């Protein structure tokens, strides 16, 4: 994910090395602040825009979605599909196919990607450095470049845009080794919202004609 190496002199190398260490420390401090802020909320409701681009393959797609998070539970609405996770099982509801897929999720599995982990995924498995800062609609967005430690990772790099004032994530840009670029931009970030008691409960009676596919 990172390609940067220039040898000018021993002195310059030393200066660059010291600067990189300082930048890494700044990046770590900012990521820690974001993590602490995320964990301080009772719940989070996010509206987002997702785009996928690959100029070589002439692919350009955009979609919108929203997710409600509380602890490890969530309700995700994306591309016409709803996914509910009640802390034990995941329910994927597909209106187009009139099907509900029920599966178990090991929330402690580090490889299991969940919406909750998407807000703190950067805490392990990456090298990181401070990148550019931009002023976007009056907001100072500081980017941190993340490089996966796993050489088999299909992502070349990840850019995490953080609102410096609110310490919340503005956007996430993933650049694949195959040239694919995906961007998730947070349009609305609300916290500590009044949620229904059954917010994260799958109610089968709402889907009387759906095929129930139990994977385990």
N, C-alpha and C. Protein backbone atom coordinates (compact mmCIF):
# COMPACT_ATOMS: atom_id res chain seq x y z
N UNK A 1 0.80 -1.19 0.00
CA UNK A 1 0.00 0.00 0.00
C UNK A 1 0.84 1.25 0.00
N UNK A 2 2.05 1.17 0.39
CA UNK A 2 2.86 2.38 0.42
C UNK A 2 4.09 2.16 -0.45
N UNK A 3 4.38 3.08 -1.33
CA UNK A 3 5.55 2.96 -2.19
C UNK A 3 6.33 4.24 -2.04
N UNK A 4 7.27 4.32 -1.11
CA UNK A 4 8.03 5.53 -0.93
C UNK A 4 9.43 5.22 -0.43
N UNK A 5 10.44 5.37 -1.31
CA UNK A 5 11.81 5.15 -0.85
C UNK A 5 12.76 5.91 -1.76
N UNK A 6 13.43 6.89 -1.18
CA UNK A 6 14.41 7.64 -1.96
C UNK A 6 15.61 7.86 -1.09
N UNK A 7 16.77 7.52 -1.66
CA UNK A 7 18.01 7.67 -0.90
C UNK A 7 18.78 8.85 -1.47
N UNK A 8 18.88 9.91 -0.70
CA UNK A 8 19.64 11.09 -1.13
C UNK A 8 20.96 11.16 -0.37
N UNK A 9 20.86 10.92 0.94
CA UNK A 9 22.07 10.92 1.76
C UNK A 9 21.72 10.31 3.09
N UNK A 10 22.74 9.93 3.86
CA UNK A 10 22.48 9.34 5.17
C UNK A 10 21.75 10.34 6.06
N UNK A 11 22.14 11.59 5.97
CA UNK A 11 21.51 12.62 6.80
C UNK A 11 20.04 12.80 6.46
N UNK A 12 19.77 12.87 5.15
CA UNK A 12 18.39 13.05 4.70
C UNK A 12 17.54 11.84 5.08
N UNK A 13 18.12 10.66 4.93
CA UNK A 13 17.40 9.44 5.31
C UNK A 13 17.02 9.48 6.77
N UNK A 14 17.95 9.93 7.61
CA UNK A 14 17.69 10.00 9.04
C UNK A 14 16.56 10.97 9.33
N UNK A 15 16.59 12.13 8.67
CA UNK A 15 15.55 13.13 8.87
C UNK A 15 14.19 12.61 8.43
N UNK A 16 14.17 11.94 7.28
CA UNK A 16 12.92 11.38 6.76
C UNK A 16 12.38 10.32 7.72
N UNK A 17 13.32 9.50 8.25
CA UNK A 17 12.91 8.46 9.19
C UNK A 17 12.32 9.04 10.45
N UNK A 18 12.95 10.09 11.00
CA UNK A 18 12.46 10.72 12.21
C UNK A 18 11.10 11.35 11.96
N UNK A 19 10.94 11.98 10.80
CA UNK A 19 9.68 12.62 10.45
C UNK A 19 8.57 11.58 10.33
N UNK A 20 8.88 10.43 9.71
CA UNK A 20 7.89 9.36 9.54
C UNK A 20 7.42 8.84 10.89
N UNK A 21 8.38 8.69 11.84
CA UNK A 21 8.01 8.21 13.16
C UNK A 21 7.08 9.21 13.86
N UNK A 22 7.36 10.50 13.67
CA UNK A 22 6.51 11.53 14.27
C UNK A 22 5.11 11.49 13.66
N UNK A 23 5.06 11.33 12.33
CA UNK A 23 3.78 11.26 11.64
C UNK A 23 2.99 10.03 12.08
N UNK A 24 3.68 8.89 12.25
CA UNK A 24 3.02 7.67 12.70
C UNK A 24 2.40 7.88 14.07
N UNK A 25 3.12 8.58 14.94
CA UNK A 25 2.61 8.85 16.28
C UNK A 25 1.37 9.73 16.22
N UNK A 26 1.42 10.76 15.36
CA UNK A 26 0.25 11.63 15.18
C UNK A 26 -0.94 10.84 14.66
N UNK A 27 -0.68 9.96 13.69
CA UNK A 27 -1.74 9.14 13.11
C UNK A 27 -2.35 8.24 14.18
N UNK A 28 -1.50 7.61 14.99
CA UNK A 28 -1.97 6.73 16.07
C UNK A 28 -2.82 7.49 17.07
N UNK A 29 -2.39 8.68 17.43
CA UNK A 29 -3.13 9.50 18.40
C UNK A 29 -4.51 9.85 17.85
N UNK A 30 -4.57 10.22 16.56
CA UNK A 30 -5.84 10.59 15.95
C UNK A 30 -6.78 9.38 15.85
N UNK A 31 -6.24 8.23 15.47
CA UNK A 31 -7.04 7.01 15.38
C UNK A 31 -7.56 6.60 16.76
N UNK A 32 -6.75 6.77 17.78
CA UNK A 32 -7.17 6.44 19.14
C UNK A 32 -8.31 7.36 19.59
N UNK A 33 -8.25 8.63 19.19
CA UNK A 33 -9.31 9.58 19.53
C UNK A 33 -10.62 9.19 18.85
N UNK A 34 -10.52 8.76 17.59
CA UNK A 34 -11.72 8.34 16.85
C UNK A 34 -12.33 7.10 17.52
N UNK A 35 -11.51 6.13 17.88
CA UNK A 35 -11.99 4.92 18.53
C UNK A 35 -12.69 5.23 19.85
N UNK A 36 -12.07 6.09 20.65
CA UNK A 36 -12.66 6.46 21.95
C UNK A 36 -14.00 7.16 21.75
N UNK A 37 -14.09 8.02 20.73
CA UNK A 37 -15.33 8.75 20.46
C UNK A 37 -16.43 7.77 20.03
N UNK A 38 -16.09 6.83 19.16
CA UNK A 38 -17.06 5.84 18.69
C UNK A 38 -17.61 5.02 19.85
N UNK A 39 -16.72 4.59 20.74
CA UNK A 39 -17.12 3.74 21.86
C UNK A 39 -17.91 4.48 22.93
N UNK A 40 -17.88 5.82 22.90
CA UNK A 40 -18.59 6.61 23.91
C UNK A 40 -20.08 6.73 23.63
N UNK A 41 -20.51 6.40 22.42
CA UNK A 41 -21.92 6.56 22.06
C UNK A 41 -22.73 5.31 22.39
N UNK A 42 -23.97 5.51 22.79
CA UNK A 42 -24.88 4.39 23.06
C UNK A 42 -25.27 3.73 21.75
N UNK A 43 -25.57 4.55 20.75
CA UNK A 43 -25.88 4.03 19.42
C UNK A 43 -25.48 5.05 18.36
N UNK A 44 -25.38 4.58 17.13
CA UNK A 44 -24.99 5.43 16.00
C UNK A 44 -25.88 5.12 14.81
N UNK A 45 -26.35 6.16 14.14
CA UNK A 45 -27.16 6.01 12.93
C UNK A 45 -26.46 6.76 11.80
N UNK A 46 -26.12 6.03 10.74
CA UNK A 46 -25.35 6.62 9.64
C UNK A 46 -26.07 6.45 8.30
N UNK A 47 -26.15 7.54 7.54
CA UNK A 47 -26.56 7.48 6.13
C UNK A 47 -25.28 7.65 5.32
N UNK A 48 -25.10 6.81 4.30
CA UNK A 48 -23.84 6.87 3.56
C UNK A 48 -24.05 6.70 2.06
N UNK A 49 -23.03 7.12 1.31
CA UNK A 49 -23.00 6.93 -0.14
C UNK A 49 -21.82 6.01 -0.45
N UNK A 50 -22.03 5.06 -1.35
CA UNK A 50 -20.99 4.11 -1.71
C UNK A 50 -20.77 4.18 -3.21
N UNK A 51 -19.52 4.29 -3.61
CA UNK A 51 -19.22 4.31 -5.05
C UNK A 51 -18.09 3.35 -5.36
N UNK A 52 -18.16 2.74 -6.53
CA UNK A 52 -17.13 1.81 -6.99
C UNK A 52 -16.72 2.22 -8.39
N UNK A 53 -15.41 2.38 -8.59
CA UNK A 53 -14.90 2.82 -9.89
C UNK A 53 -13.70 1.98 -10.33
N UNK A 54 -13.70 1.62 -11.59
CA UNK A 54 -12.55 0.95 -12.19
C UNK A 54 -12.48 1.41 -13.64
N UNK A 55 -11.60 2.40 -13.90
CA UNK A 55 -11.50 2.99 -15.24
C UNK A 55 -11.12 1.95 -16.29
N UNK A 56 -10.24 1.03 -15.92
CA UNK A 56 -9.78 0.01 -16.86
C UNK A 56 -10.91 -0.90 -17.33
N UNK A 57 -11.80 -1.25 -16.39
CA UNK A 57 -12.94 -2.12 -16.71
C UNK A 57 -14.20 -1.33 -17.07
N UNK A 58 -14.07 0.02 -17.07
CA UNK A 58 -15.20 0.90 -17.37
C UNK A 58 -16.38 0.66 -16.43
N UNK A 59 -16.08 0.55 -15.15
CA UNK A 59 -17.11 0.32 -14.13
C UNK A 59 -17.25 1.59 -13.29
N UNK A 60 -18.48 2.04 -13.14
CA UNK A 60 -18.77 3.23 -12.34
C UNK A 60 -20.14 3.06 -11.70
N UNK A 61 -20.16 2.69 -10.44
CA UNK A 61 -21.42 2.41 -9.76
C UNK A 61 -21.55 3.25 -8.50
N UNK A 62 -22.79 3.64 -8.20
CA UNK A 62 -23.06 4.39 -6.98
C UNK A 62 -24.30 3.85 -6.30
N UNK A 63 -24.32 3.87 -4.99
CA UNK A 63 -25.47 3.40 -4.24
C UNK A 63 -25.50 4.10 -2.89
N UNK A 64 -26.68 4.17 -2.28
CA UNK A 64 -26.81 4.77 -0.96
C UNK A 64 -27.30 3.72 0.03
N UNK A 65 -27.03 3.98 1.30
CA UNK A 65 -27.48 3.04 2.32
C UNK A 65 -27.50 3.70 3.67
N UNK A 66 -27.91 2.93 4.67
CA UNK A 66 -27.90 3.43 6.05
C UNK A 66 -27.70 2.26 7.00
N UNK A 67 -27.17 2.56 8.16
CA UNK A 67 -26.91 1.54 9.16
C UNK A 67 -27.17 2.11 10.54
N UNK A 68 -27.79 1.28 11.39
CA UNK A 68 -28.01 1.63 12.79
C UNK A 68 -27.20 0.66 13.64
N UNK A 69 -26.38 1.20 14.54
CA UNK A 69 -25.47 0.39 15.34
C UNK A 69 -25.70 0.61 16.83
N UNK A 70 -25.67 -0.48 17.58
CA UNK A 70 -25.70 -0.39 19.04
C UNK A 70 -24.89 -1.56 19.59
N UNK A 71 -23.72 -1.27 20.12
CA UNK A 71 -22.83 -2.35 20.53
C UNK A 71 -22.42 -3.16 19.31
N UNK A 72 -22.61 -4.48 19.38
CA UNK A 72 -22.29 -5.32 18.23
C UNK A 72 -23.52 -5.62 17.37
N UNK A 73 -24.66 -5.07 17.75
CA UNK A 73 -25.89 -5.27 16.99
C UNK A 73 -26.02 -4.20 15.90
N UNK A 74 -26.71 -4.56 14.80
CA UNK A 74 -26.89 -3.57 13.74
C UNK A 74 -28.04 -3.93 12.81
N UNK A 75 -28.52 -2.90 12.12
CA UNK A 75 -29.46 -3.06 11.00
C UNK A 75 -28.87 -2.30 9.84
N UNK A 76 -28.58 -3.00 8.76
CA UNK A 76 -27.96 -2.39 7.57
C UNK A 76 -28.91 -2.49 6.39
N UNK A 77 -29.17 -1.36 5.74
CA UNK A 77 -29.97 -1.32 4.52
C UNK A 77 -29.07 -0.85 3.38
N UNK A 78 -28.86 -1.73 2.40
CA UNK A 78 -27.92 -1.40 1.33
C UNK A 78 -28.27 -2.18 0.07
N UNK A 79 -28.38 -1.45 -1.05
CA UNK A 79 -28.67 -2.05 -2.35
C UNK A 79 -29.93 -2.93 -2.33
N UNK A 80 -30.95 -2.43 -1.63
CA UNK A 80 -32.24 -3.12 -1.61
C UNK A 80 -32.33 -4.29 -0.65
N UNK A 81 -31.24 -4.58 0.05
CA UNK A 81 -31.21 -5.71 0.97
C UNK A 81 -31.06 -5.20 2.41
N UNK A 82 -31.79 -5.82 3.34
CA UNK A 82 -31.68 -5.47 4.76
C UNK A 82 -30.99 -6.61 5.51
N UNK A 83 -30.04 -6.25 6.36
CA UNK A 83 -29.36 -7.25 7.17
C UNK A 83 -29.48 -6.85 8.64
N UNK A 84 -30.01 -7.77 9.44
CA UNK A 84 -30.18 -7.53 10.87
C UNK A 84 -29.28 -8.49 11.64
N UNK A 85 -28.54 -7.96 12.59
CA UNK A 85 -27.73 -8.81 13.46
C UNK A 85 -28.14 -8.53 14.90
N UNK A 86 -28.67 -9.55 15.58
CA UNK A 86 -29.20 -9.37 16.93
C UNK A 86 -28.18 -9.71 18.02
N UNK A 87 -26.94 -9.94 17.63
CA UNK A 87 -25.91 -10.29 18.59
C UNK A 87 -25.55 -11.76 18.57
N UNK A 88 -26.43 -12.56 17.94
CA UNK A 88 -26.19 -14.00 17.82
C UNK A 88 -26.32 -14.49 16.39
N UNK A 89 -27.39 -14.07 15.74
CA UNK A 89 -27.64 -14.50 14.36
C UNK A 89 -27.83 -13.31 13.43
N UNK A 90 -27.47 -13.53 12.17
CA UNK A 90 -27.65 -12.50 11.14
C UNK A 90 -28.81 -12.91 10.23
N UNK A 91 -29.67 -11.97 9.93
CA UNK A 91 -30.83 -12.21 9.06
C UNK A 91 -30.70 -11.31 7.84
N UNK A 92 -30.51 -11.91 6.68
CA UNK A 92 -30.38 -11.16 5.43
C UNK A 92 -31.69 -11.25 4.68
N UNK A 93 -32.35 -10.11 4.52
CA UNK A 93 -33.69 -10.06 3.92
C UNK A 93 -33.59 -9.50 2.52
N UNK A 94 -33.95 -10.32 1.54
CA UNK A 94 -33.87 -9.93 0.13
C UNK A 94 -35.27 -9.89 -0.47
N UNK A 95 -35.88 -8.68 -0.57
CA UNK A 95 -37.24 -8.55 -1.10
C UNK A 95 -37.38 -9.02 -2.54
N UNK A 96 -36.34 -8.81 -3.34
CA UNK A 96 -36.40 -9.18 -4.76
C UNK A 96 -36.59 -10.70 -4.92
N UNK A 97 -35.89 -11.47 -4.11
CA UNK A 97 -36.01 -12.93 -4.17
C UNK A 97 -37.01 -13.49 -3.18
N UNK A 98 -37.59 -12.59 -2.35
CA UNK A 98 -38.50 -13.01 -1.28
C UNK A 98 -37.87 -14.13 -0.46
N UNK A 99 -36.68 -13.84 0.04
CA UNK A 99 -35.93 -14.84 0.79
C UNK A 99 -35.26 -14.21 2.00
N UNK A 100 -35.25 -14.95 3.11
CA UNK A 100 -34.53 -14.55 4.31
C UNK A 100 -33.48 -15.61 4.61
N UNK A 101 -32.22 -15.21 4.67
CA UNK A 101 -31.14 -16.13 4.98
C UNK A 101 -30.70 -15.89 6.42
N UNK A 102 -30.72 -16.97 7.21
CA UNK A 102 -30.36 -16.88 8.63
C UNK A 102 -29.05 -17.61 8.85
N UNK A 103 -28.10 -16.94 9.47
CA UNK A 103 -26.79 -17.56 9.71
C UNK A 103 -26.24 -17.12 11.05
N UNK A 104 -25.39 -17.96 11.62
CA UNK A 104 -24.72 -17.62 12.88
C UNK A 104 -23.48 -16.80 12.57
N UNK A 105 -23.15 -15.90 13.47
CA UNK A 105 -21.96 -15.07 13.30
C UNK A 105 -21.14 -15.14 14.57
N UNK A 106 -19.87 -15.46 14.43
CA UNK A 106 -18.97 -15.44 15.57
C UNK A 106 -18.40 -14.04 15.68
N UNK A 107 -18.97 -13.26 16.55
CA UNK A 107 -18.59 -11.85 16.65
C UNK A 107 -17.13 -11.68 17.10
N UNK A 108 -16.57 -12.72 17.71
CA UNK A 108 -15.18 -12.64 18.18
C UNK A 108 -14.19 -13.02 17.09
N UNK A 109 -14.72 -13.49 15.95
CA UNK A 109 -13.85 -13.86 14.83
C UNK A 109 -13.25 -12.59 14.24
N UNK A 110 -11.93 -12.45 14.30
CA UNK A 110 -11.28 -11.24 13.81
C UNK A 110 -11.48 -11.05 12.31
N UNK A 111 -11.72 -12.14 11.58
CA UNK A 111 -11.89 -12.04 10.14
C UNK A 111 -13.31 -11.65 9.75
N UNK A 112 -14.24 -11.74 10.70
CA UNK A 112 -15.64 -11.41 10.42
C UNK A 112 -15.79 -9.90 10.34
N UNK A 113 -16.19 -9.41 9.17
CA UNK A 113 -16.37 -7.97 8.98
C UNK A 113 -17.82 -7.60 9.27
N UNK A 114 -18.02 -6.71 10.23
CA UNK A 114 -19.36 -6.25 10.57
C UNK A 114 -19.38 -4.73 10.49
N UNK A 115 -20.57 -4.12 10.36
CA UNK A 115 -20.62 -2.65 10.32
C UNK A 115 -19.98 -2.00 11.54
N UNK A 116 -20.12 -2.61 12.71
CA UNK A 116 -19.51 -2.04 13.91
C UNK A 116 -18.00 -2.00 13.78
N UNK A 117 -17.42 -3.06 13.23
CA UNK A 117 -15.97 -3.11 13.08
C UNK A 117 -15.47 -2.15 12.00
N UNK A 118 -16.36 -1.77 11.07
CA UNK A 118 -15.94 -0.86 10.02
C UNK A 118 -15.53 0.50 10.58
N UNK A 119 -16.00 0.83 11.79
CA UNK A 119 -15.66 2.11 12.39
C UNK A 119 -14.37 2.05 13.20
N UNK A 120 -13.87 0.83 13.44
CA UNK A 120 -12.65 0.69 14.24
C UNK A 120 -11.70 -0.36 13.64
N UNK A 121 -11.92 -0.73 12.37
CA UNK A 121 -11.13 -1.78 11.74
C UNK A 121 -9.63 -1.48 11.73
N UNK A 122 -9.31 -0.21 11.77
CA UNK A 122 -7.93 0.25 11.60
C UNK A 122 -7.05 0.00 12.82
N UNK A 123 -7.62 -0.54 13.89
CA UNK A 123 -6.83 -0.71 15.12
C UNK A 123 -5.81 -1.85 15.05
N UNK A 124 -5.93 -2.71 14.07
CA UNK A 124 -4.94 -3.78 13.93
C UNK A 124 -4.84 -4.19 12.47
N UNK A 125 -3.65 -4.70 12.09
CA UNK A 125 -3.45 -5.22 10.74
C UNK A 125 -2.95 -4.21 9.72
N UNK A 126 -2.60 -3.00 10.18
CA UNK A 126 -2.18 -1.97 9.24
C UNK A 126 -0.97 -1.19 9.75
N UNK A 127 -0.19 -0.69 8.81
CA UNK A 127 0.79 0.36 9.08
C UNK A 127 0.09 1.65 8.69
N UNK A 128 0.35 2.73 9.38
CA UNK A 128 -0.35 3.96 9.03
C UNK A 128 0.53 5.18 9.17
N UNK A 129 0.24 6.15 8.30
CA UNK A 129 0.95 7.43 8.31
C UNK A 129 -0.03 8.54 8.00
N UNK A 130 0.29 9.74 8.46
CA UNK A 130 -0.53 10.90 8.14
C UNK A 130 -0.42 11.18 6.65
N UNK A 131 -1.52 11.56 6.02
CA UNK A 131 -1.52 11.89 4.60
C UNK A 131 -1.98 13.35 4.46
N UNK A 132 -2.62 13.68 3.38
CA UNK A 132 -3.01 15.07 3.14
C UNK A 132 -4.18 15.50 4.04
N UNK A 133 -4.31 16.80 4.21
CA UNK A 133 -5.46 17.39 4.90
C UNK A 133 -6.20 18.25 3.87
N UNK A 134 -7.53 18.18 3.88
CA UNK A 134 -8.34 18.93 2.92
C UNK A 134 -9.45 19.68 3.63
N UNK A 135 -9.83 20.82 3.05
CA UNK A 135 -10.98 21.56 3.55
C UNK A 135 -12.17 21.20 2.67
N UNK A 136 -13.12 20.47 3.22
CA UNK A 136 -14.29 20.02 2.45
C UNK A 136 -15.55 20.61 3.05
N UNK A 137 -16.15 21.53 2.33
CA UNK A 137 -17.38 22.20 2.77
C UNK A 137 -17.23 22.77 4.18
N UNK A 138 -16.08 23.41 4.42
CA UNK A 138 -15.86 24.06 5.70
C UNK A 138 -15.36 23.14 6.80
N UNK A 139 -15.16 21.88 6.46
CA UNK A 139 -14.68 20.91 7.46
C UNK A 139 -13.23 20.52 7.14
N UNK A 140 -12.38 20.50 8.16
CA UNK A 140 -11.01 20.07 7.94
C UNK A 140 -10.96 18.55 8.04
N UNK A 141 -10.64 17.92 6.93
CA UNK A 141 -10.57 16.46 6.87
C UNK A 141 -9.11 16.03 6.77
N UNK A 142 -8.66 15.32 7.78
CA UNK A 142 -7.29 14.81 7.79
C UNK A 142 -7.30 13.34 7.35
N UNK A 143 -6.51 13.05 6.32
CA UNK A 143 -6.45 11.67 5.82
C UNK A 143 -5.29 10.92 6.45
N UNK A 144 -5.55 9.66 6.77
CA UNK A 144 -4.52 8.76 7.25
C UNK A 144 -4.42 7.60 6.25
N UNK A 145 -3.20 7.32 5.81
CA UNK A 145 -2.99 6.24 4.85
C UNK A 145 -2.69 4.96 5.61
N UNK A 146 -3.47 3.92 5.30
CA UNK A 146 -3.32 2.62 5.95
C UNK A 146 -2.80 1.61 4.93
N UNK A 147 -1.77 0.87 5.31
CA UNK A 147 -1.19 -0.14 4.44
C UNK A 147 -1.39 -1.50 5.10
N UNK A 148 -2.12 -2.44 4.47
CA UNK A 148 -2.33 -3.76 5.08
C UNK A 148 -1.01 -4.48 5.33
N UNK A 149 -0.88 -5.11 6.49
CA UNK A 149 0.32 -5.87 6.80
C UNK A 149 0.38 -7.18 6.02
N UNK A 150 -0.80 -7.70 5.68
CA UNK A 150 -0.88 -8.97 4.95
C UNK A 150 -0.60 -8.75 3.46
N UNK A 151 0.47 -9.34 2.97
CA UNK A 151 0.85 -9.16 1.56
C UNK A 151 -0.19 -9.73 0.60
N UNK A 152 -1.03 -10.64 1.09
CA UNK A 152 -2.06 -11.25 0.24
C UNK A 152 -3.32 -10.39 0.15
N UNK A 153 -3.38 -9.34 0.94
CA UNK A 153 -4.53 -8.43 0.90
C UNK A 153 -4.65 -7.83 -0.49
N UNK A 154 -5.85 -7.86 -1.06
CA UNK A 154 -6.06 -7.35 -2.41
C UNK A 154 -6.15 -5.83 -2.48
N UNK A 155 -6.09 -5.19 -1.32
CA UNK A 155 -6.12 -3.73 -1.30
C UNK A 155 -4.69 -3.17 -1.28
N UNK A 156 -4.48 -2.22 -2.15
CA UNK A 156 -3.16 -1.58 -2.21
C UNK A 156 -2.99 -0.61 -1.04
N UNK A 157 -4.05 0.16 -0.76
CA UNK A 157 -4.01 1.10 0.35
C UNK A 157 -5.42 1.53 0.71
N UNK A 158 -5.55 2.06 1.91
CA UNK A 158 -6.81 2.58 2.39
C UNK A 158 -6.57 3.99 2.90
N UNK A 159 -7.40 4.93 2.49
CA UNK A 159 -7.32 6.29 2.99
C UNK A 159 -8.54 6.54 3.87
N UNK A 160 -8.27 6.92 5.11
CA UNK A 160 -9.34 7.17 6.06
C UNK A 160 -9.42 8.66 6.32
N UNK A 161 -10.54 9.28 5.94
CA UNK A 161 -10.73 10.72 6.14
C UNK A 161 -11.42 10.99 7.46
N UNK A 162 -10.78 11.76 8.31
CA UNK A 162 -11.31 12.03 9.65
C UNK A 162 -11.57 13.51 9.84
N UNK A 163 -12.77 13.85 10.33
CA UNK A 163 -13.10 15.23 10.66
C UNK A 163 -12.31 15.61 11.91
N UNK A 164 -11.39 16.53 11.78
CA UNK A 164 -10.48 16.88 12.86
C UNK A 164 -11.22 17.44 14.08
N UNK A 165 -12.30 18.18 13.84
CA UNK A 165 -13.02 18.81 14.95
C UNK A 165 -13.89 17.80 15.71
N UNK A 166 -14.65 16.98 14.99
CA UNK A 166 -15.59 16.07 15.65
C UNK A 166 -14.98 14.70 15.96
N UNK A 167 -13.81 14.41 15.36
CA UNK A 167 -13.14 13.11 15.53
C UNK A 167 -14.03 11.96 15.05
N UNK A 168 -14.75 12.22 13.96
CA UNK A 168 -15.58 11.18 13.35
C UNK A 168 -15.09 10.91 11.92
N UNK A 169 -15.45 9.76 11.40
CA UNK A 169 -15.01 9.38 10.06
C UNK A 169 -15.87 10.07 9.00
N UNK A 170 -15.22 10.75 8.07
CA UNK A 170 -15.92 11.42 6.98
C UNK A 170 -16.06 10.48 5.79
N UNK A 171 -14.96 9.84 5.41
CA UNK A 171 -15.03 8.88 4.32
C UNK A 171 -13.92 7.84 4.40
N UNK A 172 -14.09 6.81 3.62
CA UNK A 172 -13.15 5.70 3.57
C UNK A 172 -12.91 5.37 2.11
N UNK A 173 -11.66 5.43 1.67
CA UNK A 173 -11.33 5.17 0.27
C UNK A 173 -10.40 3.96 0.20
N UNK A 174 -10.84 2.92 -0.51
CA UNK A 174 -10.01 1.73 -0.68
C UNK A 174 -9.54 1.64 -2.12
N UNK A 175 -8.24 1.46 -2.30
CA UNK A 175 -7.66 1.32 -3.64
C UNK A 175 -7.15 -0.11 -3.79
N UNK A 176 -7.75 -0.86 -4.72
CA UNK A 176 -7.36 -2.24 -4.92
C UNK A 176 -6.14 -2.38 -5.81
N UNK A 177 -5.46 -3.50 -5.70
CA UNK A 177 -4.29 -3.76 -6.53
C UNK A 177 -4.68 -3.92 -8.00
N UNK A 178 -5.98 -4.19 -8.25
CA UNK A 178 -6.46 -4.34 -9.63
C UNK A 178 -6.97 -3.03 -10.21
N UNK A 179 -6.79 -1.92 -9.46
CA UNK A 179 -7.21 -0.61 -9.95
C UNK A 179 -8.59 -0.19 -9.52
N UNK A 180 -9.31 -1.05 -8.83
CA UNK A 180 -10.65 -0.71 -8.36
C UNK A 180 -10.57 0.23 -7.16
N UNK A 181 -11.38 1.27 -7.21
CA UNK A 181 -11.42 2.25 -6.12
C UNK A 181 -12.84 2.32 -5.57
N UNK A 182 -12.99 2.04 -4.28
CA UNK A 182 -14.30 2.13 -3.64
C UNK A 182 -14.25 3.22 -2.59
N UNK A 183 -15.33 4.00 -2.54
CA UNK A 183 -15.39 5.11 -1.60
C UNK A 183 -16.70 5.07 -0.82
N UNK A 184 -16.61 5.10 0.49
CA UNK A 184 -17.79 5.19 1.34
C UNK A 184 -17.74 6.55 2.03
N UNK A 185 -18.76 7.37 1.77
CA UNK A 185 -18.81 8.72 2.33
C UNK A 185 -19.99 8.83 3.29
N UNK A 186 -19.73 9.32 4.50
CA UNK A 186 -20.77 9.49 5.50
C UNK A 186 -21.53 10.78 5.22
N UNK A 187 -22.81 10.66 4.88
CA UNK A 187 -23.63 11.84 4.61
C UNK A 187 -24.27 12.38 5.89
N UNK A 188 -24.59 11.47 6.81
CA UNK A 188 -25.25 11.86 8.06
C UNK A 188 -24.76 10.95 9.17
N UNK A 189 -24.37 11.54 10.30
CA UNK A 189 -23.84 10.78 11.43
C UNK A 189 -24.58 11.25 12.69
N UNK A 190 -25.51 10.42 13.18
CA UNK A 190 -26.29 10.78 14.37
C UNK A 190 -25.98 9.80 15.50
N UNK A 191 -26.04 10.29 16.71
CA UNK A 191 -25.70 9.44 17.85
C UNK A 191 -26.77 9.51 18.94
N UNK A 192 -26.79 8.46 19.76
CA UNK A 192 -27.69 8.38 20.92
C UNK A 192 -29.14 8.69 20.55
N UNK A 193 -29.61 8.01 19.51
CA UNK A 193 -30.97 8.20 19.02
C UNK A 193 -31.96 7.32 19.79
N UNK A 194 -33.24 7.76 19.89
CA UNK A 194 -34.26 6.91 20.53
C UNK A 194 -34.63 5.76 19.58
N UNK A 195 -34.27 4.54 19.94
CA UNK A 195 -34.53 3.39 19.08
C UNK A 195 -35.65 2.51 19.64
N UNK A 196 -36.32 1.83 18.73
CA UNK A 196 -37.38 0.90 19.11
C UNK A 196 -36.79 -0.25 19.93
N UNK A 197 -37.58 -0.81 20.83
CA UNK A 197 -37.15 -1.94 21.65
C UNK A 197 -36.83 -3.15 20.78
N UNK A 198 -37.53 -3.23 19.63
CA UNK A 198 -37.33 -4.35 18.70
C UNK A 198 -36.47 -3.96 17.50
N UNK A 199 -35.68 -2.91 17.65
CA UNK A 199 -34.87 -2.39 16.54
C UNK A 199 -34.01 -3.48 15.90
N UNK A 200 -33.45 -4.36 16.72
CA UNK A 200 -32.52 -5.37 16.21
C UNK A 200 -33.10 -6.79 16.28
N UNK A 201 -34.44 -6.86 16.25
CA UNK A 201 -35.13 -8.15 16.32
C UNK A 201 -35.75 -8.50 14.98
N UNK A 202 -35.49 -9.70 14.50
CA UNK A 202 -36.10 -10.16 13.25
C UNK A 202 -37.50 -10.68 13.57
N UNK A 203 -38.50 -10.11 12.91
CA UNK A 203 -39.89 -10.50 13.12
C UNK A 203 -40.37 -11.27 11.89
N UNK A 204 -40.47 -12.60 11.99
CA UNK A 204 -40.80 -13.46 10.86
C UNK A 204 -42.17 -13.16 10.27
N UNK A 205 -43.10 -12.72 11.11
CA UNK A 205 -44.48 -12.46 10.65
C UNK A 205 -44.55 -11.35 9.61
N UNK A 206 -43.50 -10.53 9.54
CA UNK A 206 -43.47 -9.45 8.54
C UNK A 206 -43.19 -9.98 7.13
N UNK A 207 -42.75 -11.23 7.05
CA UNK A 207 -42.35 -11.82 5.77
C UNK A 207 -43.03 -13.18 5.58
N UNK A 208 -44.38 -13.18 5.53
CA UNK A 208 -45.14 -14.45 5.50
C UNK A 208 -44.89 -15.32 4.27
N UNK A 209 -44.59 -14.73 3.14
CA UNK A 209 -44.42 -15.51 1.90
C UNK A 209 -42.96 -15.72 1.52
N UNK A 210 -42.05 -15.34 2.41
CA UNK A 210 -40.63 -15.45 2.11
C UNK A 210 -40.12 -16.87 2.39
N UNK A 211 -39.17 -17.27 1.57
CA UNK A 211 -38.50 -18.55 1.81
C UNK A 211 -37.44 -18.32 2.89
N UNK A 212 -37.46 -19.13 3.93
CA UNK A 212 -36.50 -19.01 5.03
C UNK A 212 -35.37 -20.00 4.79
N UNK A 213 -34.19 -19.48 4.57
CA UNK A 213 -33.01 -20.29 4.29
C UNK A 213 -32.09 -20.27 5.52
N UNK A 214 -32.11 -21.38 6.29
CA UNK A 214 -31.28 -21.47 7.48
C UNK A 214 -29.97 -22.17 7.12
N UNK A 215 -28.88 -21.46 7.28
CA UNK A 215 -27.59 -22.01 6.91
C UNK A 215 -26.98 -22.90 7.99
N UNK A 216 -27.49 -22.79 9.23
CA UNK A 216 -27.00 -23.65 10.30
C UNK A 216 -28.05 -23.81 11.38
